[in-house]
Protein backbone atom coordinates (compact mmCIF):
# COMPACT_ATOMS: atom_id res chain seq x y z
CA HIS A 1 -0.07 0.08 -0.11
CA ALA A 2 2.90 2.23 -0.53
CA ALA A 3 1.21 4.51 -3.22
CA GLU A 4 -1.79 4.85 -0.91
CA LEU A 5 0.24 5.82 2.08
CA THR A 6 2.39 8.14 -0.01
CA ALA A 7 -0.92 9.93 -1.21
CA GLY A 8 -1.87 10.42 2.46
CA PHE A 9 -4.52 7.45 2.40
CA TYR A 10 -4.40 5.37 5.48
CA ASN A 11 -5.31 1.79 4.23
CA VAL A 12 -3.21 -0.89 6.08
CA ALA A 13 -3.83 -4.09 7.85
CA GLY A 14 -6.44 -3.94 10.27
CA ARG A 15 -7.85 -0.62 8.89
CA ASP A 16 -10.20 -0.50 5.57
CA GLY A 17 -9.35 2.71 4.17
CA TYR A 18 -12.08 2.37 1.66
CA ARG A 19 -15.03 1.83 4.14
CA PRO A 20 -15.00 5.56 5.36
CA ILE A 21 -15.19 6.55 1.38
CA ALA A 22 -18.10 4.18 1.03
CA ARG A 23 -19.96 5.34 4.07
CA MET A 24 -19.78 8.97 2.71
CA LEU A 25 -21.05 8.01 -0.60
CA ALA A 26 -23.93 6.25 1.25
CA ARG A 27 -24.81 9.56 2.89
CA HIS A 28 -25.12 11.12 -0.53
CA HIS A 29 -26.80 8.02 -2.23
CA ALA A 30 -23.87 7.87 -4.67
CA THR A 31 -22.67 4.75 -6.65
CA LEU A 32 -19.15 3.57 -5.92
CA ASN A 33 -17.37 2.87 -9.22
CA PHE A 34 -14.04 1.24 -9.31
CA THR A 35 -11.57 0.09 -12.13
CA CYS A 36 -9.39 -2.92 -12.86
CA LEU A 37 -12.19 -5.56 -12.82
CA GLU A 38 -10.21 -7.93 -15.31
CA MET A 39 -6.83 -7.75 -13.56
CA ARG A 40 -5.41 -10.97 -11.71
CA ASP A 41 -2.63 -11.07 -9.27
CA SER A 42 -0.67 -13.87 -11.22
CA GLU A 43 -0.53 -11.51 -14.17
CA GLN A 44 1.26 -8.72 -12.51
CA PRO A 45 5.18 -8.73 -12.15
CA ALA A 46 6.17 -10.02 -8.85
CA GLU A 47 8.42 -7.03 -8.12
CA ALA A 48 5.54 -4.63 -8.40
CA LYS A 49 3.77 -6.31 -5.16
CA SER A 50 0.63 -5.52 -6.84
CA ALA A 51 -2.57 -7.24 -5.88
CA PRO A 52 -5.39 -6.12 -7.95
CA GLN A 53 -7.57 -8.91 -7.08
CA GLU A 54 -7.47 -8.03 -3.30
CA LEU A 55 -7.88 -4.33 -3.88
CA VAL A 56 -10.91 -4.80 -6.08
CA GLN A 57 -12.40 -7.08 -3.46
CA GLN A 58 -11.88 -4.75 -0.64
CA VAL A 59 -13.30 -1.81 -2.41
CA LEU A 60 -16.28 -3.66 -3.65
CA SER A 61 -16.94 -5.14 -0.22
CA SER A 62 -16.71 -1.81 1.35
CA GLY A 63 -19.45 -0.57 -0.84
CA TRP A 64 -21.66 -3.52 -0.22
CA LYS A 65 -21.11 -3.44 3.60
CA GLU A 66 -22.48 0.18 3.43
CA TYR A 67 -25.47 -0.99 1.25
CA ILE A 68 -24.60 1.28 -1.82
CA ASP A 69 -24.66 0.48 -5.36
CA VAL A 70 -21.47 -0.78 -6.77
CA ALA A 71 -20.00 -0.50 -10.39
CA GLY A 72 -17.00 -1.11 -12.21
CA GLU A 73 -14.95 -1.13 -15.41
CA ASN A 74 -11.97 -2.73 -16.89
CA ALA A 75 -8.71 -0.84 -17.24
CA LEU A 76 -6.85 -2.54 -19.93
CA PRO A 77 -7.73 -3.24 -23.67
CA ARG A 78 -8.26 -7.07 -22.91
CA TYR A 79 -10.10 -9.35 -25.42
CA ASP A 80 -9.50 -12.79 -23.85
CA ALA A 81 -11.71 -15.28 -21.80
CA THR A 82 -9.34 -14.89 -18.81
CA ALA A 83 -10.17 -11.19 -18.53
CA TYR A 84 -13.77 -11.77 -19.23
CA ASN A 85 -14.09 -14.51 -16.63
CA GLN A 86 -12.20 -12.25 -14.03
CA MET A 87 -14.68 -9.57 -14.62
CA LEU A 88 -17.58 -11.83 -14.15
CA LEU A 89 -16.08 -13.08 -10.82
CA ASN A 90 -16.08 -9.43 -9.71
CA VAL A 91 -19.70 -8.54 -10.98
CA ARG A 92 -21.07 -11.60 -9.18
CA PRO A 93 -18.76 -12.89 -6.58
CA ASN A 94 -21.19 -15.57 -5.54
CA GLY A 95 -21.99 -16.78 -8.84
CA VAL A 96 -25.50 -17.07 -10.34
CA ASN A 97 -28.37 -17.88 -8.28
CA LEU A 98 -30.83 -19.93 -10.16
CA ASN A 99 -33.71 -19.13 -7.58
CA GLY A 100 -33.67 -15.43 -7.69
CA PRO A 101 -31.28 -12.49 -7.92
CA PRO A 102 -27.80 -13.01 -6.51
CA LYS A 103 -26.82 -11.96 -3.02
CA LEU A 104 -24.14 -9.68 -4.18
CA LYS A 105 -23.82 -8.19 -7.67
CA MET A 106 -22.75 -4.95 -9.22
CA PHE A 107 -25.07 -2.24 -10.26
CA GLY A 108 -23.25 -1.79 -13.55
CA LEU A 109 -20.32 -2.67 -15.69
CA THR A 110 -18.74 -0.15 -17.96
CA TYR A 111 -16.86 -2.01 -20.86
CA LEU A 112 -14.02 0.31 -22.18
CA ARG A 113 -11.95 -0.07 -25.28
CA LEU A 114 -14.52 -0.42 -28.16
CA SER A 115 -11.97 -0.71 -30.97
CA ASP A 116 -11.11 -2.35 -34.11
CA ASP A 117 -9.37 -5.21 -32.10
CA LEU A 118 -12.61 -6.03 -30.33
CA LEU A 119 -14.34 -6.24 -33.54
CA GLN A 120 -12.11 -8.82 -35.05
CA THR A 121 -14.13 -11.92 -35.63
CA ASP A 122 -12.60 -14.18 -32.77
CA ASN A 123 -12.53 -11.26 -30.21
CA PHE A 124 -16.04 -10.35 -31.05
CA GLU A 125 -17.24 -13.94 -30.62
CA LEU A 126 -15.65 -14.07 -27.04
CA PHE A 127 -17.14 -10.70 -26.25
CA LYS A 128 -20.68 -11.95 -27.25
CA LYS A 129 -20.35 -14.88 -24.90
CA PHE A 130 -19.22 -12.67 -22.09
CA VAL A 131 -22.12 -10.39 -22.54
CA LYS A 132 -24.62 -13.34 -22.50
CA LYS A 133 -22.87 -14.66 -19.36
CA MET A 134 -23.32 -11.19 -17.87
CA HIS A 135 -27.06 -11.36 -18.23
CA ALA A 136 -27.34 -15.17 -17.02
CA ASP A 137 -29.80 -14.46 -14.24
CA LEU A 138 -31.59 -11.36 -15.25
């Protein structure tokens, strides 16, 4: 959490620095929107000591604990099943509920990077499957 601490943001072990932000957003009936939903820890260089999966879960959990709408987006131009599956895990961390709405789910997802690369046949077919899975229990 060096970058957070350098910026004056106190988010260390034993203290959820994102919960007070979520609490403030709840007072104003706002939506918490966060990025990097497609990123996985295993895809980051070890020397970066980056943990995007844990960061996303911490932020989203802080919002859900405060009963606010939580939304997200991808950060990188990724057109592969691994990235799409990671986004699905974040959108519905408890999976699909066949008996009703899922216990936890995101209010919205913004898919960034509409491009010629996305519209290539193989990439677009994967994207269409991703969109169908996004709507699996709606």
